[in-house]
Amino acid sequence: MIRLMETADLEQVADLEKCCFSEPWSYGILEAGIYSPYDVYYVWEQEQRILGYCNLRYLAGEGEIQRIAVLPQYRRCGLARKMMDAMVDYARTRQASAISLEVRESNAPARSLYESYGFQAEAVRKGYYRNPGE
């Protein structure tokens, strides 16, 4: 089930970050985020285990999807889509004028998900992604 992230989830989410990203956010960044008035964090929990999480920043009337992470063995099961739905719903309830995000050009599964929501490429930031570079 999807729900708002709580302090008790931080350790599992920090581990999820390490599993999913080459440059993971630290425990401290995650902890600061759940107390930020500009951010909303959701987790997908099943049997007391965090299988995925996501983060949307809402600032100046616009939303920015900052993270979606799902444990590798649970990918392609619809969890990311349900988390996208939660973030889009959150942005709509705040009457966001737009939602943006950044994604690696090589991340075809994520790009496909975002395109299914109507996101379109606007620009490419040369050298933005490191480890590996892209």
Foldseek 3Di string as FASTA:
>chain_A
DKDWDDPVCLVLVQVQQVQFDLDGDHSVVVVVQSVDPFKTKMFDDDPNHTQWMWMWGHDPLAIETEDITGHPVCPPVCPSVVNVVVRVVVSVVSPRPYYYYDDDPPPVVVVVSVVVVVDDDDDDDQQPDVSPTD
